[in-house]
Amino acid sequence: MSAPRFCYYVSIHEHDEKGYVPSVVYEDQDGHFPLRGNQPFQQPWYVGTSYSEARAVVAKFNEELGLSPIDVIEIIAASMGKGNWEEG
């Protein structure tokens, strides 16, 4: 069995004074998982100080994974169940 595809996503709501925090989205798994650094001594990932900059960085991450924009849309759509999604 192969591992599910995943992509990076940035929500307009996931930011603080330092910038925007991306999330990982797994195909067919509800929700998204912000890279906030949830363990001791971990720091959040920041991918830009503006939403447009953060989106461009995340698009580059996904491109480096070999994902097309359509692939990303398919992964996100397959993950939008009852999970922790919001508009943005």
N, C-alpha and C. Protein backbone atom coordinates (compact mmCIF):
# COMPACT_ATOMS: atom_id res chain seq x y z
N MET A 1 0.85 -1.18 0.00
CA MET A 1 0.00 0.00 0.00
C MET A 1 0.89 1.24 0.00
N SER A 2 0.62 2.16 -0.88
CA SER A 2 1.44 3.37 -0.97
C SER A 2 0.96 4.43 0.01
N ALA A 3 1.87 5.29 0.38
CA ALA A 3 1.54 6.38 1.29
C ALA A 3 0.60 7.36 0.59
N PRO A 4 -0.29 8.00 1.33
CA PRO A 4 -1.19 8.97 0.71
C PRO A 4 -0.39 10.17 0.20
N ARG A 5 -0.90 10.78 -0.85
CA ARG A 5 -0.28 12.02 -1.32
C ARG A 5 -0.51 13.10 -0.27
N PHE A 6 0.37 14.06 -0.25
CA PHE A 6 0.19 15.21 0.63
C PHE A 6 0.65 16.46 -0.09
N CYS A 7 0.18 17.59 0.40
CA CYS A 7 0.59 18.87 -0.14
C CYS A 7 0.66 19.88 1.00
N TYR A 8 1.20 21.03 0.68
CA TYR A 8 1.23 22.13 1.62
C TYR A 8 0.12 23.11 1.26
N TYR A 9 -0.37 23.79 2.28
CA TYR A 9 -1.51 24.71 2.16
C TYR A 9 -1.26 25.84 3.14
N VAL A 10 -1.67 27.04 2.79
CA VAL A 10 -1.59 28.14 3.76
C VAL A 10 -2.98 28.77 3.88
N SER A 11 -3.43 28.91 5.11
CA SER A 11 -4.72 29.52 5.42
C SER A 11 -4.51 31.00 5.73
N ILE A 12 -5.43 31.79 5.31
CA ILE A 12 -5.37 33.22 5.61
C ILE A 12 -5.47 33.46 7.13
N HIS A 13 -5.96 32.46 7.86
CA HIS A 13 -6.16 32.59 9.31
C HIS A 13 -4.97 32.13 10.14
N GLU A 14 -4.02 31.43 9.55
CA GLU A 14 -2.89 30.87 10.30
C GLU A 14 -1.68 31.81 10.23
N HIS A 15 -1.74 32.87 11.02
CA HIS A 15 -0.61 33.80 11.05
C HIS A 15 -0.54 34.49 12.40
N ASP A 16 0.62 35.04 12.66
CA ASP A 16 0.82 35.88 13.83
C ASP A 16 1.74 37.02 13.42
N GLU A 17 2.32 37.71 14.38
CA GLU A 17 3.14 38.88 14.06
C GLU A 17 4.40 38.53 13.27
N LYS A 18 4.80 37.26 13.27
CA LYS A 18 5.99 36.84 12.53
C LYS A 18 5.70 36.39 11.10
N GLY A 19 4.45 36.04 10.81
CA GLY A 19 4.11 35.62 9.46
C GLY A 19 3.09 34.51 9.41
N TYR A 20 3.00 33.89 8.25
CA TYR A 20 2.02 32.84 7.98
C TYR A 20 2.63 31.46 8.19
N VAL A 21 1.83 30.58 8.80
CA VAL A 21 2.25 29.20 9.11
C VAL A 21 1.54 28.25 8.13
N PRO A 22 2.30 27.46 7.38
CA PRO A 22 1.67 26.52 6.45
C PRO A 22 1.12 25.29 7.18
N SER A 23 0.30 24.56 6.47
CA SER A 23 -0.24 23.29 6.95
C SER A 23 0.13 22.19 5.97
N VAL A 24 0.11 20.96 6.45
CA VAL A 24 0.22 19.78 5.60
C VAL A 24 -1.19 19.21 5.46
N VAL A 25 -1.54 18.84 4.25
CA VAL A 25 -2.82 18.22 3.95
C VAL A 25 -2.54 16.85 3.36
N TYR A 26 -3.14 15.81 3.94
CA TYR A 26 -2.99 14.44 3.45
C TYR A 26 -4.26 14.05 2.69
N GLU A 27 -4.07 13.46 1.54
CA GLU A 27 -5.21 13.04 0.73
C GLU A 27 -6.07 12.04 1.50
N ASP A 28 -7.38 12.25 1.48
CA ASP A 28 -8.38 11.40 2.13
C ASP A 28 -8.31 11.38 3.66
N GLN A 29 -7.60 12.33 4.25
CA GLN A 29 -7.57 12.47 5.71
C GLN A 29 -8.15 13.83 6.05
N ASP A 30 -9.20 13.84 6.87
CA ASP A 30 -9.90 15.08 7.17
C ASP A 30 -9.00 16.14 7.77
N GLY A 31 -9.18 17.35 7.32
CA GLY A 31 -8.53 18.50 7.92
C GLY A 31 -7.15 18.80 7.38
N HIS A 32 -6.53 19.76 8.04
CA HIS A 32 -5.16 20.15 7.71
C HIS A 32 -4.40 20.29 9.02
N PHE A 33 -3.08 20.23 8.94
CA PHE A 33 -2.24 20.15 10.12
C PHE A 33 -1.20 21.26 10.10
N PRO A 34 -1.50 22.37 10.78
CA PRO A 34 -0.58 23.51 10.78
C PRO A 34 0.78 23.14 11.39
N LEU A 35 1.83 23.62 10.78
CA LEU A 35 3.19 23.36 11.23
C LEU A 35 3.60 24.41 12.26
N ARG A 36 2.95 24.32 13.43
CA ARG A 36 3.14 25.31 14.49
C ARG A 36 4.31 24.99 15.42
N GLY A 37 4.91 23.82 15.29
CA GLY A 37 5.97 23.45 16.22
C GLY A 37 5.38 23.08 17.57
N ASN A 38 4.66 21.99 17.62
CA ASN A 38 3.89 21.60 18.81
C ASN A 38 4.69 20.86 19.88
N GLN A 39 5.96 20.62 19.66
CA GLN A 39 6.78 19.90 20.64
C GLN A 39 7.72 20.90 21.34
N PRO A 40 8.21 20.54 22.52
CA PRO A 40 9.15 21.43 23.20
C PRO A 40 10.34 21.76 22.30
N PHE A 41 10.75 22.98 22.31
CA PHE A 41 11.91 23.49 21.57
C PHE A 41 11.68 23.59 20.06
N GLN A 42 10.49 23.28 19.58
CA GLN A 42 10.18 23.45 18.16
C GLN A 42 9.59 24.83 17.94
N GLN A 43 9.91 25.39 16.81
CA GLN A 43 9.35 26.67 16.40
C GLN A 43 8.43 26.46 15.21
N PRO A 44 7.45 27.33 15.04
CA PRO A 44 6.60 27.22 13.85
C PRO A 44 7.40 27.49 12.58
N TRP A 45 6.92 26.93 11.49
CA TRP A 45 7.44 27.30 10.17
C TRP A 45 6.77 28.61 9.80
N TYR A 46 7.49 29.51 9.22
CA TYR A 46 6.92 30.73 8.66
C TYR A 46 7.30 30.78 7.19
N VAL A 47 6.31 31.07 6.34
CA VAL A 47 6.56 31.04 4.90
C VAL A 47 6.33 32.39 4.23
N GLY A 48 6.13 33.41 5.00
CA GLY A 48 5.96 34.74 4.42
C GLY A 48 5.28 35.67 5.39
N THR A 49 5.53 36.95 5.19
CA THR A 49 4.90 37.94 6.06
C THR A 49 3.60 38.47 5.46
N SER A 50 3.36 38.21 4.19
CA SER A 50 2.08 38.55 3.56
C SER A 50 1.44 37.26 3.05
N TYR A 51 0.13 37.29 2.90
CA TYR A 51 -0.58 36.09 2.42
C TYR A 51 -0.12 35.72 1.01
N SER A 52 0.06 36.71 0.15
CA SER A 52 0.48 36.40 -1.23
C SER A 52 1.89 35.80 -1.26
N GLU A 53 2.78 36.31 -0.42
CA GLU A 53 4.13 35.73 -0.34
C GLU A 53 4.06 34.29 0.18
N ALA A 54 3.25 34.05 1.21
CA ALA A 54 3.12 32.72 1.78
C ALA A 54 2.55 31.74 0.75
N ARG A 55 1.56 32.17 -0.01
CA ARG A 55 0.99 31.30 -1.06
C ARG A 55 2.02 30.95 -2.11
N ALA A 56 2.86 31.91 -2.48
CA ALA A 56 3.90 31.65 -3.49
C ALA A 56 4.92 30.64 -2.97
N VAL A 57 5.31 30.76 -1.70
CA VAL A 57 6.27 29.82 -1.11
C VAL A 57 5.67 28.41 -1.07
N VAL A 58 4.43 28.30 -0.63
CA VAL A 58 3.75 27.01 -0.54
C VAL A 58 3.59 26.40 -1.95
N ALA A 59 3.29 27.23 -2.94
CA ALA A 59 3.19 26.73 -4.32
C ALA A 59 4.53 26.14 -4.77
N LYS A 60 5.63 26.78 -4.39
CA LYS A 60 6.97 26.27 -4.74
C LYS A 60 7.22 24.94 -4.03
N PHE A 61 6.87 24.85 -2.73
CA PHE A 61 7.01 23.58 -2.00
C PHE A 61 6.28 22.46 -2.75
N ASN A 62 5.03 22.73 -3.14
CA ASN A 62 4.22 21.71 -3.83
C ASN A 62 4.82 21.34 -5.18
N GLU A 63 5.33 22.34 -5.89
CA GLU A 63 5.98 22.08 -7.17
C GLU A 63 7.20 21.18 -6.97
N GLU A 64 7.97 21.43 -5.91
CA GLU A 64 9.14 20.60 -5.62
C GLU A 64 8.76 19.17 -5.26
N LEU A 65 7.52 18.97 -4.80
CA LEU A 65 7.01 17.61 -4.54
C LEU A 65 6.53 16.94 -5.82
N GLY A 66 6.57 17.67 -6.92
CA GLY A 66 6.11 17.13 -8.19
C GLY A 66 4.61 17.26 -8.39
N LEU A 67 3.97 18.12 -7.62
CA LEU A 67 2.52 18.29 -7.70
C LEU A 67 2.16 19.45 -8.60
N SER A 68 1.18 19.23 -9.45
CA SER A 68 0.63 20.31 -10.26
C SER A 68 -0.42 21.05 -9.43
N PRO A 69 -0.82 22.25 -9.88
CA PRO A 69 -1.92 22.93 -9.16
C PRO A 69 -3.19 22.09 -9.11
N ILE A 70 -3.46 21.31 -10.15
CA ILE A 70 -4.64 20.42 -10.14
C ILE A 70 -4.47 19.32 -9.10
N ASP A 71 -3.28 18.75 -8.99
CA ASP A 71 -3.01 17.74 -7.95
C ASP A 71 -3.32 18.31 -6.57
N VAL A 72 -2.86 19.52 -6.31
CA VAL A 72 -3.07 20.17 -5.00
C VAL A 72 -4.56 20.33 -4.73
N ILE A 73 -5.30 20.79 -5.72
CA ILE A 73 -6.75 20.95 -5.56
C ILE A 73 -7.41 19.60 -5.26
N GLU A 74 -6.99 18.55 -5.96
CA GLU A 74 -7.56 17.22 -5.72
C GLU A 74 -7.26 16.73 -4.31
N ILE A 75 -6.04 16.93 -3.84
CA ILE A 75 -5.66 16.50 -2.48
C ILE A 75 -6.48 17.24 -1.45
N ILE A 76 -6.58 18.55 -1.60
CA ILE A 76 -7.35 19.36 -0.64
C ILE A 76 -8.82 18.98 -0.68
N ALA A 77 -9.39 18.81 -1.87
CA ALA A 77 -10.80 18.45 -1.99
C ALA A 77 -11.09 17.10 -1.36
N ALA A 78 -10.16 16.15 -1.50
CA ALA A 78 -10.35 14.81 -0.93
C ALA A 78 -10.21 14.83 0.59
N SER A 79 -9.74 15.92 1.14
CA SER A 79 -9.49 16.01 2.58
C SER A 79 -10.50 16.90 3.29
N MET A 80 -11.48 17.39 2.58
CA MET A 80 -12.45 18.32 3.18
C MET A 80 -13.68 17.56 3.67
N GLY A 81 -13.53 16.90 4.79
CA GLY A 81 -14.66 16.21 5.40
C GLY A 81 -15.12 17.00 6.60
N LYS A 82 -15.18 16.35 7.74
CA LYS A 82 -15.61 16.99 8.98
C LYS A 82 -14.44 17.62 9.73
N GLY A 83 -13.28 17.64 9.11
CA GLY A 83 -12.06 18.07 9.79
C GLY A 83 -11.99 19.54 10.11
N ASN A 84 -10.79 19.96 10.46
CA ASN A 84 -10.56 21.32 10.93
C ASN A 84 -10.24 22.25 9.76
N TRP A 85 -11.25 22.50 8.91
CA TRP A 85 -11.10 23.41 7.77
C TRP A 85 -11.84 24.69 8.06
N GLU A 86 -11.37 25.74 7.46
CA GLU A 86 -12.03 27.04 7.51
C GLU A 86 -11.87 27.69 6.17
N GLU A 87 -12.62 28.75 5.95
CA GLU A 87 -12.47 29.49 4.71
C GLU A 87 -11.12 30.18 4.69
N GLY A 88 -10.54 30.27 3.52
CA GLY A 88 -9.28 31.01 3.41
C GLY A 88 -8.31 30.41 2.50
